[in-house]
Amino acid sequence: MEAKDSRLTFLQYLNTIMLTIIGIFTTVIFFMLTNVKEKQEETAKELLRIKTIQDINTGNIQGIDGRVKTLELNYLDYIKTWVDQNYLRKPQR
């Protein structure tokens, strides 16, 4: 009878220790997941900011590209003359 009681007491202590360890692990995992979620939200905000800047830059580049194409079409002869007058050409071999 006393052996059963000591074994039962040992199992109760073992059960308490195991439940404590599981509780600690659960708490640590909860805080880690909370931290990951917060960082993921920050990353999502940063990606949205970068995408907005990229869209603005893409629009600006398209505008500049259109202006350059217009200048090239309208002033092609002038540009050729200016380049010929302002740059020395290397002799051809």
Protein backbone atom coordinates (compact mmCIF):
# COMPACT_ATOMS: atom_id res chain seq x y z
CA MET A 1 0.00 0.00 0.00
CA GLU A 2 2.78 2.39 0.87
CA ALA A 3 4.61 1.52 -2.37
CA LYS A 4 1.46 2.40 -4.30
CA ASP A 5 1.19 5.72 -2.43
CA SER A 6 4.84 6.59 -3.08
CA ARG A 7 4.45 5.63 -6.74
CA LEU A 8 1.26 7.71 -6.97
CA THR A 9 3.01 10.67 -5.35
CA PHE A 10 5.93 10.29 -7.77
CA LEU A 11 3.51 10.16 -10.74
CA GLN A 12 1.71 13.24 -9.43
CA TYR A 13 5.02 15.13 -9.22
CA LEU A 14 5.99 13.88 -12.66
CA ASN A 15 2.61 14.94 -14.05
CA THR A 16 2.95 18.39 -12.44
CA ILE A 17 6.48 18.82 -13.86
CA MET A 18 5.35 17.76 -17.34
CA LEU A 19 2.34 20.11 -17.26
CA THR A 20 4.59 22.96 -16.08
CA ILE A 21 7.04 22.32 -18.94
CA ILE A 22 4.18 22.17 -21.45
CA GLY A 23 2.78 25.42 -20.05
CA ILE A 24 6.18 27.12 -20.35
CA PHE A 25 6.60 25.91 -23.94
CA THR A 26 3.08 27.08 -24.79
CA THR A 27 3.77 30.53 -23.34
CA VAL A 28 7.09 30.84 -25.19
CA ILE A 29 5.47 29.75 -28.48
CA PHE A 30 2.62 32.24 -27.96
CA PHE A 31 5.03 35.15 -27.48
CA MET A 32 7.15 34.04 -30.45
CA LEU A 33 4.08 33.87 -32.71
CA THR A 34 2.92 37.28 -31.50
CA ASN A 35 6.36 38.70 -32.32
CA VAL A 36 6.33 37.09 -35.77
CA LYS A 37 2.85 38.49 -36.46
CA GLU A 38 3.94 42.01 -35.50
CA LYS A 39 7.02 41.81 -37.71
CA GLN A 40 4.91 40.47 -40.57
CA GLU A 41 2.53 43.42 -40.24
CA GLU A 42 5.47 45.85 -40.26
CA THR A 43 6.88 44.14 -43.35
CA ALA A 44 3.51 44.35 -45.10
CA LYS A 45 3.35 48.10 -44.38
CA GLU A 46 6.90 48.57 -45.69
CA LEU A 47 6.12 46.58 -48.85
CA LEU A 48 3.04 48.72 -49.46
CA ARG A 49 5.14 51.88 -49.04
CA ILE A 50 7.77 50.56 -51.46
CA LYS A 51 5.09 49.60 -53.99
CA THR A 52 3.59 53.09 -53.80
CA ILE A 53 7.01 54.67 -54.42
CA GLN A 54 7.62 52.23 -57.28
CA ASP A 55 4.30 53.15 -58.89
CA ILE A 56 5.14 56.86 -58.61
CA ASN A 57 8.60 56.29 -60.10
CA THR A 58 7.16 54.20 -62.93
CA GLY A 59 4.72 57.00 -63.78
CA ASN A 60 7.51 59.58 -63.71
CA ILE A 61 9.72 57.43 -65.95
CA GLN A 62 6.90 56.97 -68.47
CA GLY A 63 6.36 60.73 -68.54
CA ILE A 64 10.05 61.42 -69.09
CA ASP A 65 10.24 58.69 -71.73
CA GLY A 66 7.37 60.30 -73.64
CA ARG A 67 9.04 63.70 -73.47
CA VAL A 68 12.37 62.31 -74.71
CA LYS A 69 10.68 60.49 -77.60
CA THR A 70 8.90 63.69 -78.58
CA LEU A 71 12.19 65.61 -78.48
CA GLU A 72 13.93 62.92 -80.50
CA LEU A 73 11.23 63.00 -83.17
CA ASN A 74 10.97 66.80 -83.38
CA TYR A 75 14.63 67.72 -83.00
CA LEU A 76 16.48 64.78 -84.56
CA ASP A 77 18.28 66.88 -87.17
CA TYR A 78 19.18 69.53 -84.58
CA ILE A 79 20.56 66.86 -82.22
CA LYS A 80 22.67 65.32 -85.02
CA THR A 81 24.09 68.72 -85.93
CA TRP A 82 24.83 69.57 -82.30
CA VAL A 83 26.61 66.25 -81.72
CA ASP A 84 28.67 66.68 -84.88
CA GLN A 85 29.68 70.20 -83.81
CA ASN A 86 30.47 69.40 -80.17
CA TYR A 87 32.10 65.97 -80.22
CA LEU A 88 35.29 64.94 -81.92
CA ARG A 89 35.01 61.71 -83.76
CA LYS A 90 37.80 59.20 -83.59
CA PRO A 91 39.26 58.36 -86.96
CA GLN A 92 37.92 55.12 -88.41
CA ARG A 93 40.43 52.34 -89.02
